[in-house]
Amino acid sequence: MSDTTPKTPHIYVEAGKKLEDADSTAWTFTLLGILGLTAIILVWTGLLPINIPFFTLLLGTIVLGILFAFFIAVGLFAFHCKKKLSSAKIKEDACICQIRQWFQEHYSADAISNGMDEEDLPIEQLYFIRSENISRLLAEEFPKLEESFAEYMLENIYQMYFPD
């Protein structure tokens, strides 16, 4: 039996956005984990008095201790991912710059519009025609681009030439 469900398009997320997310995740989880473990230590040392039975305190300490240790592990993993994402962002920025520069050197707004009389076409049709042309030109020059990144670059280039 063949799978006939259409694939949902993958939306490209910039490496810079991923880096920001990893940064906030790293700091948030690490700080929450440290604060939580500190609170547990303060409770056991008596500096933060809580009147609950010993068994409940012990059980709560075990469960929350594991949770806060997990938070610290997630935070440290996010810090580790930040290093990889930093180099990915540098590569992505260079690739974007290279594609934009190549496009500016080889094509003008008129070439993308194929010299059409823009006054006779509705804006939606004009957008579709320009997008198809940019997509085709990108695919011809950079055939190995991932589909979602090619879509991202199409929008990027379109906005560069037609900002309105």
N, C-alpha and C. Protein backbone atom coordinates (compact mmCIF):
# COMPACT_ATOMS: atom_id res chain seq x y z
N MET A 1 0.84 -1.17 0.00
CA MET A 1 0.00 0.00 0.00
C MET A 1 0.89 1.24 0.00
N SER A 2 0.63 2.17 -0.89
CA SER A 2 1.47 3.36 -0.99
C SER A 2 0.93 4.47 -0.11
N ASP A 3 1.85 5.29 0.35
CA ASP A 3 1.49 6.41 1.20
C ASP A 3 1.14 7.59 0.30
N THR A 4 -0.12 8.03 0.36
CA THR A 4 -0.57 9.11 -0.51
C THR A 4 -0.75 10.42 0.24
N THR A 5 -0.39 10.45 1.50
CA THR A 5 -0.51 11.71 2.24
C THR A 5 0.57 12.67 1.78
N PRO A 6 0.18 13.90 1.48
CA PRO A 6 1.18 14.87 1.02
C PRO A 6 2.09 15.27 2.16
N LYS A 7 3.34 15.50 1.82
CA LYS A 7 4.30 15.94 2.83
C LYS A 7 4.10 17.43 3.09
N THR A 8 4.13 17.77 4.36
CA THR A 8 4.04 19.18 4.69
C THR A 8 5.39 19.82 4.44
N PRO A 9 5.39 21.02 3.88
CA PRO A 9 6.67 21.66 3.59
C PRO A 9 7.41 22.02 4.87
N HIS A 10 8.70 21.81 4.82
CA HIS A 10 9.56 22.14 5.96
C HIS A 10 9.91 23.62 5.86
N ILE A 11 9.64 24.37 6.91
CA ILE A 11 9.93 25.79 6.91
C ILE A 11 11.35 25.99 7.42
N TYR A 12 12.13 26.75 6.68
CA TYR A 12 13.52 26.98 7.03
C TYR A 12 13.60 27.93 8.22
N VAL A 13 14.43 27.58 9.18
CA VAL A 13 14.68 28.43 10.35
C VAL A 13 16.13 28.86 10.28
N GLU A 14 16.33 30.15 10.33
CA GLU A 14 17.69 30.70 10.24
C GLU A 14 18.55 30.21 11.41
N ALA A 15 19.82 30.01 11.12
CA ALA A 15 20.75 29.56 12.16
C ALA A 15 20.85 30.59 13.28
N GLY A 16 20.71 31.86 12.96
CA GLY A 16 20.75 32.91 13.97
C GLY A 16 19.59 32.78 14.95
N LYS A 17 18.43 32.42 14.44
CA LYS A 17 17.25 32.22 15.30
C LYS A 17 17.45 30.98 16.18
N LYS A 18 18.00 29.92 15.60
CA LYS A 18 18.29 28.72 16.37
C LYS A 18 19.31 29.02 17.47
N LEU A 19 20.29 29.86 17.15
CA LEU A 19 21.32 30.24 18.11
C LEU A 19 20.70 31.03 19.27
N GLU A 20 19.80 31.96 18.96
CA GLU A 20 19.10 32.71 20.01
C GLU A 20 18.29 31.78 20.90
N ASP A 21 17.59 30.83 20.30
CA ASP A 21 16.79 29.88 21.06
C ASP A 21 17.66 29.01 21.96
N ALA A 22 18.79 28.56 21.43
CA ALA A 22 19.70 27.73 22.23
C ALA A 22 20.28 28.54 23.38
N ASP A 23 20.57 29.80 23.13
CA ASP A 23 21.12 30.66 24.17
C ASP A 23 20.11 30.84 25.31
N SER A 24 18.88 31.16 24.97
CA SER A 24 17.88 31.37 26.02
C SER A 24 17.58 30.06 26.75
N THR A 25 17.53 28.95 26.02
CA THR A 25 17.31 27.65 26.65
C THR A 25 18.45 27.32 27.61
N ALA A 26 19.67 27.54 27.17
CA ALA A 26 20.83 27.22 28.00
C ALA A 26 20.79 27.99 29.31
N TRP A 27 20.62 29.29 29.22
CA TRP A 27 20.62 30.10 30.43
C TRP A 27 19.42 29.81 31.32
N THR A 28 18.25 29.69 30.74
CA THR A 28 17.03 29.47 31.54
C THR A 28 17.09 28.16 32.29
N PHE A 29 17.36 27.07 31.60
CA PHE A 29 17.38 25.76 32.26
C PHE A 29 18.52 25.65 33.29
N THR A 30 19.67 26.18 32.95
CA THR A 30 20.80 26.11 33.88
C THR A 30 20.49 26.91 35.15
N LEU A 31 19.99 28.11 35.00
CA LEU A 31 19.69 28.93 36.18
C LEU A 31 18.56 28.34 37.02
N LEU A 32 17.51 27.84 36.37
CA LEU A 32 16.43 27.21 37.12
C LEU A 32 16.93 25.97 37.88
N GLY A 33 17.77 25.19 37.25
CA GLY A 33 18.32 24.01 37.91
C GLY A 33 19.17 24.38 39.11
N ILE A 34 20.01 25.38 38.95
CA ILE A 34 20.87 25.82 40.06
C ILE A 34 20.03 26.40 41.20
N LEU A 35 19.05 27.23 40.84
CA LEU A 35 18.18 27.80 41.88
C LEU A 35 17.41 26.70 42.62
N GLY A 36 16.91 25.73 41.89
CA GLY A 36 16.17 24.64 42.51
C GLY A 36 17.03 23.81 43.44
N LEU A 37 18.22 23.45 42.98
CA LEU A 37 19.13 22.68 43.85
C LEU A 37 19.56 23.50 45.06
N THR A 38 19.75 24.79 44.87
CA THR A 38 20.08 25.66 45.99
C THR A 38 18.94 25.68 47.02
N ALA A 39 17.70 25.76 46.53
CA ALA A 39 16.55 25.75 47.44
C ALA A 39 16.49 24.44 48.23
N ILE A 40 16.76 23.34 47.57
CA ILE A 40 16.76 22.03 48.26
C ILE A 40 17.83 22.01 49.35
N ILE A 41 19.02 22.51 49.03
CA ILE A 41 20.10 22.56 50.02
C ILE A 41 19.72 23.46 51.20
N LEU A 42 19.08 24.60 50.90
CA LEU A 42 18.66 25.51 51.96
C LEU A 42 17.60 24.87 52.86
N VAL A 43 16.71 24.08 52.28
CA VAL A 43 15.70 23.39 53.08
C VAL A 43 16.37 22.38 54.00
N TRP A 44 17.30 21.60 53.49
CA TRP A 44 17.96 20.56 54.30
C TRP A 44 18.89 21.13 55.36
N THR A 45 19.46 22.30 55.10
CA THR A 45 20.32 22.91 56.11
C THR A 45 19.53 23.68 57.14
N GLY A 46 18.23 23.87 56.92
CA GLY A 46 17.39 24.57 57.87
C GLY A 46 17.31 26.07 57.68
N LEU A 47 18.00 26.59 56.66
CA LEU A 47 17.95 28.02 56.38
C LEU A 47 16.63 28.44 55.72
N LEU A 48 15.94 27.50 55.14
CA LEU A 48 14.62 27.73 54.54
C LEU A 48 13.67 26.72 55.20
N PRO A 49 13.12 27.10 56.36
CA PRO A 49 12.32 26.13 57.12
C PRO A 49 10.98 25.81 56.46
N ILE A 50 10.71 24.53 56.34
CA ILE A 50 9.44 24.04 55.82
C ILE A 50 8.97 22.95 56.79
N ASN A 51 7.75 23.10 57.28
CA ASN A 51 7.20 22.11 58.22
C ASN A 51 6.42 21.04 57.48
N ILE A 52 7.13 20.00 57.06
CA ILE A 52 6.51 18.84 56.43
C ILE A 52 7.16 17.59 57.01
N PRO A 53 6.45 16.50 56.98
CA PRO A 53 7.03 15.25 57.53
C PRO A 53 8.32 14.87 56.81
N PHE A 54 9.20 14.18 57.52
CA PHE A 54 10.51 13.79 57.00
C PHE A 54 10.38 12.97 55.71
N PHE A 55 9.48 11.98 55.69
CA PHE A 55 9.33 11.13 54.50
C PHE A 55 8.92 11.96 53.29
N THR A 56 8.00 12.91 53.47
CA THR A 56 7.57 13.78 52.37
C THR A 56 8.72 14.66 51.90
N LEU A 57 9.48 15.18 52.85
CA LEU A 57 10.65 15.99 52.51
C LEU A 57 11.67 15.18 51.72
N LEU A 58 11.91 13.96 52.18
CA LEU A 58 12.87 13.09 51.49
C LEU A 58 12.39 12.76 50.08
N LEU A 59 11.13 12.37 49.95
CA LEU A 59 10.58 12.03 48.63
C LEU A 59 10.59 13.25 47.70
N GLY A 60 10.19 14.40 48.25
CA GLY A 60 10.20 15.63 47.46
C GLY A 60 11.60 16.01 47.02
N THR A 61 12.56 15.82 47.91
CA THR A 61 13.95 16.13 47.58
C THR A 61 14.45 15.24 46.45
N ILE A 62 14.12 13.97 46.51
CA ILE A 62 14.57 13.04 45.46
C ILE A 62 13.96 13.42 44.11
N VAL A 63 12.64 13.63 44.10
CA VAL A 63 11.96 13.95 42.83
C VAL A 63 12.43 15.29 42.28
N LEU A 64 12.41 16.31 43.13
CA LEU A 64 12.82 17.64 42.66
C LEU A 64 14.32 17.69 42.36
N GLY A 65 15.11 16.95 43.12
CA GLY A 65 16.55 16.90 42.85
C GLY A 65 16.83 16.33 41.46
N ILE A 66 16.11 15.27 41.13
CA ILE A 66 16.27 14.69 39.78
C ILE A 66 15.81 15.69 38.73
N LEU A 67 14.69 16.35 38.97
CA LEU A 67 14.16 17.33 38.02
C LEU A 67 15.17 18.48 37.81
N PHE A 68 15.68 19.03 38.90
CA PHE A 68 16.62 20.15 38.77
C PHE A 68 17.94 19.72 38.16
N ALA A 69 18.38 18.51 38.44
CA ALA A 69 19.60 17.99 37.80
C ALA A 69 19.37 17.83 36.29
N PHE A 70 18.16 17.38 35.94
CA PHE A 70 17.80 17.28 34.52
C PHE A 70 17.81 18.66 33.87
N PHE A 71 17.30 19.68 34.56
CA PHE A 71 17.32 21.05 34.03
C PHE A 71 18.75 21.49 33.74
N ILE A 72 19.65 21.21 34.68
CA ILE A 72 21.06 21.59 34.49
C ILE A 72 21.65 20.84 33.29
N ALA A 73 21.32 19.57 33.16
CA ALA A 73 21.82 18.79 32.01
C ALA A 73 21.31 19.36 30.70
N VAL A 74 20.03 19.73 30.65
CA VAL A 74 19.47 20.33 29.43
C VAL A 74 20.17 21.65 29.13
N GLY A 75 20.39 22.45 30.16
CA GLY A 75 21.09 23.72 29.97
C GLY A 75 22.50 23.54 29.45
N LEU A 76 23.23 22.60 30.02
CA LEU A 76 24.60 22.35 29.56
C LEU A 76 24.63 21.82 28.14
N PHE A 77 23.65 20.97 27.80
CA PHE A 77 23.56 20.47 26.42
C PHE A 77 23.27 21.62 25.45
N ALA A 78 22.42 22.55 25.87
CA ALA A 78 22.12 23.71 25.02
C ALA A 78 23.36 24.59 24.84
N PHE A 79 24.17 24.73 25.89
CA PHE A 79 25.43 25.48 25.75
C PHE A 79 26.34 24.78 24.73
N HIS A 80 26.37 23.46 24.78
CA HIS A 80 27.17 22.69 23.83
C HIS A 80 26.66 22.90 22.40
N CYS A 81 25.34 22.89 22.24
CA CYS A 81 24.74 23.11 20.91
C CYS A 81 25.02 24.51 20.38
N LYS A 82 25.13 25.47 21.28
CA LYS A 82 25.42 26.85 20.86
C LYS A 82 26.73 26.93 20.09
N LYS A 83 27.71 26.16 20.50
CA LYS A 83 29.01 26.18 19.81
C LYS A 83 28.85 25.72 18.36
N LYS A 84 28.09 24.64 18.18
CA LYS A 84 27.87 24.13 16.82
C LYS A 84 27.05 25.12 16.00
N LEU A 85 26.04 25.72 16.62
CA LEU A 85 25.18 26.66 15.91
C LEU A 85 25.92 27.93 15.53
N SER A 86 26.90 28.32 16.31
CA SER A 86 27.70 29.50 15.97
C SER A 86 28.44 29.30 14.66
N SER A 87 29.05 28.13 14.50
CA SER A 87 29.76 27.86 13.24
C SER A 87 28.77 27.68 12.09
N ALA A 88 27.61 27.10 12.36
CA ALA A 88 26.58 26.95 11.32
C ALA A 88 26.07 28.32 10.88
N LYS A 89 25.94 29.25 11.81
CA LYS A 89 25.48 30.60 11.47
C LYS A 89 26.49 31.30 10.57
N ILE A 90 27.77 31.13 10.88
CA ILE A 90 28.81 31.75 10.06
C ILE A 90 28.76 31.20 8.63
N LYS A 91 28.61 29.88 8.51
CA LYS A 91 28.52 29.26 7.18
C LYS A 91 27.27 29.72 6.44
N GLU A 92 26.14 29.77 7.16
CA GLU A 92 24.89 30.20 6.55
C GLU A 92 24.98 31.65 6.07
N ASP A 93 25.53 32.53 6.90
CA ASP A 93 25.69 33.93 6.51
C ASP A 93 26.55 34.06 5.26
N ALA A 94 27.62 33.28 5.19
CA ALA A 94 28.50 33.32 4.01
C ALA A 94 27.77 32.82 2.77
N CYS A 95 26.98 31.76 2.93
CA CYS A 95 26.22 31.21 1.81
C CYS A 95 25.16 32.21 1.32
N ILE A 96 24.46 32.83 2.24
CA ILE A 96 23.44 33.83 1.88
C ILE A 96 24.10 34.99 1.15
N CYS A 97 25.21 35.45 1.68
CA CYS A 97 25.93 36.56 1.06
C CYS A 97 26.39 36.19 -0.36
N GLN A 98 26.91 34.97 -0.51
CA GLN A 98 27.38 34.51 -1.82
C GLN A 98 26.23 34.45 -2.82
N ILE A 99 25.10 33.90 -2.43
CA ILE A 99 23.96 33.77 -3.34
C ILE A 99 23.40 35.14 -3.70
N ARG A 100 23.24 36.01 -2.71
CA ARG A 100 22.73 37.36 -2.98
C ARG A 100 23.66 38.13 -3.91
N GLN A 101 24.97 38.02 -3.65
CA GLN A 101 25.95 38.72 -4.47
C GLN A 101 25.92 38.19 -5.91
N TRP A 102 25.86 36.88 -6.05
CA TRP A 102 25.80 36.30 -7.39
C TRP A 102 24.55 36.79 -8.12
N PHE A 103 23.44 36.80 -7.41
CA PHE A 103 22.19 37.23 -8.04
C PHE A 103 22.28 38.69 -8.46
N GLN A 104 22.83 39.55 -7.63
CA GLN A 104 22.94 40.96 -7.97
C GLN A 104 23.88 41.20 -9.14
N GLU A 105 24.93 40.38 -9.25
CA GLU A 105 25.88 40.54 -10.35
C GLU A 105 25.30 40.09 -11.68
N HIS A 106 24.38 39.12 -11.65
CA HIS A 106 23.91 38.53 -12.89
C HIS A 106 22.50 38.94 -13.32
N TYR A 107 21.68 39.44 -12.41
CA TYR A 107 20.29 39.73 -12.76
C TYR A 107 19.83 41.04 -12.16
N SER A 108 18.98 41.71 -12.93
CA SER A 108 18.37 42.94 -12.46
C SER A 108 16.89 42.67 -12.19
N ALA A 109 16.20 43.66 -11.65
CA ALA A 109 14.76 43.51 -11.40
C ALA A 109 14.01 43.31 -12.72
N ASP A 110 14.45 43.98 -13.77
CA ASP A 110 13.81 43.81 -15.08
C ASP A 110 14.01 42.39 -15.63
N ALA A 111 15.20 41.84 -15.41
CA ALA A 111 15.47 40.48 -15.89
C ALA A 111 14.59 39.47 -15.15
N ILE A 112 14.37 39.70 -13.87
CA ILE A 112 13.51 38.80 -13.10
C ILE A 112 12.07 38.90 -13.56
N SER A 113 11.65 40.10 -13.91
CA SER A 113 10.27 40.30 -14.37
C SER A 113 10.09 39.94 -15.84
N ASN A 114 11.17 39.54 -16.51
CA ASN A 114 11.15 39.18 -17.93
C ASN A 114 10.64 40.31 -18.81
N GLY A 115 10.89 41.53 -18.40
CA GLY A 115 10.48 42.68 -19.19
C GLY A 115 8.97 42.82 -19.33
N MET A 116 8.20 42.24 -18.43
CA MET A 116 6.74 42.33 -18.50
C MET A 116 6.28 43.75 -18.20
N ASP A 117 5.16 44.09 -18.76
CA ASP A 117 4.55 45.37 -18.43
C ASP A 117 3.85 45.20 -17.09
N GLU A 118 4.45 45.70 -16.06
CA GLU A 118 3.98 45.47 -14.70
C GLU A 118 2.66 46.16 -14.41
N GLU A 119 2.31 47.13 -15.22
CA GLU A 119 1.07 47.88 -14.99
C GLU A 119 -0.16 47.07 -15.39
N ASP A 120 0.00 46.10 -16.30
CA ASP A 120 -1.14 45.33 -16.81
C ASP A 120 -1.48 44.11 -15.95
N LEU A 121 -0.59 43.72 -15.04
CA LEU A 121 -0.79 42.49 -14.26
C LEU A 121 -1.14 42.82 -12.82
N PRO A 122 -2.02 42.02 -12.24
CA PRO A 122 -2.29 42.20 -10.81
C PRO A 122 -1.05 41.80 -10.00
N ILE A 123 -0.93 42.36 -8.82
CA ILE A 123 0.26 42.15 -7.98
C ILE A 123 0.48 40.68 -7.64
N GLU A 124 -0.62 39.91 -7.46
CA GLU A 124 -0.49 38.50 -7.13
C GLU A 124 0.14 37.72 -8.28
N GLN A 125 -0.30 37.99 -9.49
CA GLN A 125 0.25 37.30 -10.66
C GLN A 125 1.70 37.71 -10.88
N LEU A 126 1.97 38.98 -10.67
CA LEU A 126 3.33 39.48 -10.82
C LEU A 126 4.26 38.79 -9.81
N TYR A 127 3.79 38.66 -8.58
CA TYR A 127 4.57 37.99 -7.54
C TYR A 127 4.84 36.54 -7.95
N PHE A 128 3.83 35.85 -8.44
CA PHE A 128 3.98 34.45 -8.84
C PHE A 128 5.01 34.31 -9.97
N ILE A 129 4.93 35.15 -10.97
CA ILE A 129 5.85 35.08 -12.11
C ILE A 129 7.29 35.37 -11.67
N ARG A 130 7.45 36.42 -10.88
CA ARG A 130 8.80 36.76 -10.40
C ARG A 130 9.37 35.64 -9.53
N SER A 131 8.54 35.10 -8.65
CA SER A 131 8.99 34.02 -7.77
C SER A 131 9.41 32.79 -8.57
N GLU A 132 8.63 32.44 -9.56
CA GLU A 132 8.98 31.30 -10.42
C GLU A 132 10.32 31.54 -11.11
N ASN A 133 10.53 32.74 -11.60
CA ASN A 133 11.80 33.06 -12.27
C ASN A 133 12.98 32.99 -11.30
N ILE A 134 12.82 33.56 -10.12
CA ILE A 134 13.90 33.50 -9.12
C ILE A 134 14.18 32.06 -8.73
N SER A 135 13.13 31.29 -8.52
CA SER A 135 13.27 29.89 -8.14
C SER A 135 14.01 29.11 -9.23
N ARG A 136 13.64 29.32 -10.46
CA ARG A 136 14.30 28.63 -11.58
C ARG A 136 15.77 29.02 -11.67
N LEU A 137 16.07 30.31 -11.55
CA LEU A 137 17.45 30.78 -11.64
C LEU A 137 18.29 30.23 -10.48
N LEU A 138 17.72 30.19 -9.30
CA LEU A 138 18.43 29.62 -8.15
C LEU A 138 18.72 28.14 -8.36
N ALA A 139 17.72 27.41 -8.85
CA ALA A 139 17.88 25.97 -9.06
C ALA A 139 18.92 25.68 -10.14
N GLU A 140 19.00 26.53 -11.16
CA GLU A 140 19.98 26.33 -12.22
C GLU A 140 21.41 26.56 -11.72
N GLU A 141 21.61 27.60 -10.92
CA GLU A 141 22.94 27.94 -10.46
C GLU A 141 23.36 27.17 -9.20
N PHE A 142 22.40 26.91 -8.33
CA PHE A 142 22.68 26.23 -7.05
C PHE A 142 21.75 25.02 -6.91
N PRO A 143 21.99 23.97 -7.68
CA PRO A 143 21.06 22.83 -7.67
C PRO A 143 21.05 22.01 -6.38
N LYS A 144 22.07 22.14 -5.55
CA LYS A 144 22.15 21.32 -4.34
C LYS A 144 21.55 21.99 -3.10
N LEU A 145 20.90 23.14 -3.28
CA LEU A 145 20.29 23.81 -2.13
C LEU A 145 19.13 22.99 -1.60
N GLU A 146 19.06 22.89 -0.28
CA GLU A 146 17.91 22.22 0.35
C GLU A 146 16.65 23.01 -0.01
N GLU A 147 15.55 22.32 -0.19
CA GLU A 147 14.32 22.94 -0.66
C GLU A 147 13.86 24.09 0.25
N SER A 148 13.90 23.88 1.55
CA SER A 148 13.44 24.93 2.47
C SER A 148 14.38 26.14 2.44
N PHE A 149 15.69 25.89 2.30
CA PHE A 149 16.64 27.00 2.21
C PHE A 149 16.47 27.74 0.88
N ALA A 150 16.18 27.01 -0.19
CA ALA A 150 15.94 27.65 -1.49
C ALA A 150 14.70 28.55 -1.42
N GLU A 151 13.66 28.10 -0.73
CA GLU A 151 12.46 28.92 -0.53
C GLU A 151 12.79 30.18 0.28
N TYR A 152 13.59 30.00 1.31
CA TYR A 152 14.02 31.13 2.13
C TYR A 152 14.79 32.13 1.28
N MET A 153 15.71 31.64 0.47
CA MET A 153 16.49 32.53 -0.39
C MET A 153 15.63 33.20 -1.45
N LEU A 154 14.64 32.48 -1.96
CA LEU A 154 13.72 33.07 -2.93
C LEU A 154 13.05 34.30 -2.32
N GLU A 155 12.53 34.16 -1.10
CA GLU A 155 11.87 35.29 -0.42
C GLU A 155 12.88 36.40 -0.12
N ASN A 156 14.07 36.02 0.26
CA ASN A 156 15.12 36.97 0.57
C ASN A 156 15.47 37.80 -0.67
N ILE A 157 15.66 37.13 -1.78
CA ILE A 157 16.02 37.81 -3.04
C ILE A 157 14.85 38.64 -3.55
N TYR A 158 13.64 38.10 -3.44
CA TYR A 158 12.45 38.85 -3.88
C TYR A 158 12.35 40.17 -3.11
N GLN A 159 12.54 40.10 -1.79
CA GLN A 159 12.47 41.32 -0.98
C GLN A 159 13.62 42.29 -1.31
N MET A 160 14.75 41.73 -1.72
CA MET A 160 15.89 42.56 -2.07
C MET A 160 15.58 43.39 -3.32
N TYR A 161 14.91 42.78 -4.30
CA TYR A 161 14.60 43.46 -5.56
C TYR A 161 13.27 44.21 -5.53
N PHE A 162 12.30 43.66 -4.83
CA PHE A 162 10.95 44.24 -4.83
C PHE A 162 10.47 44.41 -3.38
N PRO A 163 10.97 45.43 -2.69
CA PRO A 163 10.68 45.55 -1.26
C PRO A 163 9.24 45.96 -0.92
N ASP A 164 8.47 46.37 -1.90
CA ASP A 164 7.12 46.83 -1.58
C ASP A 164 6.18 45.74 -1.30
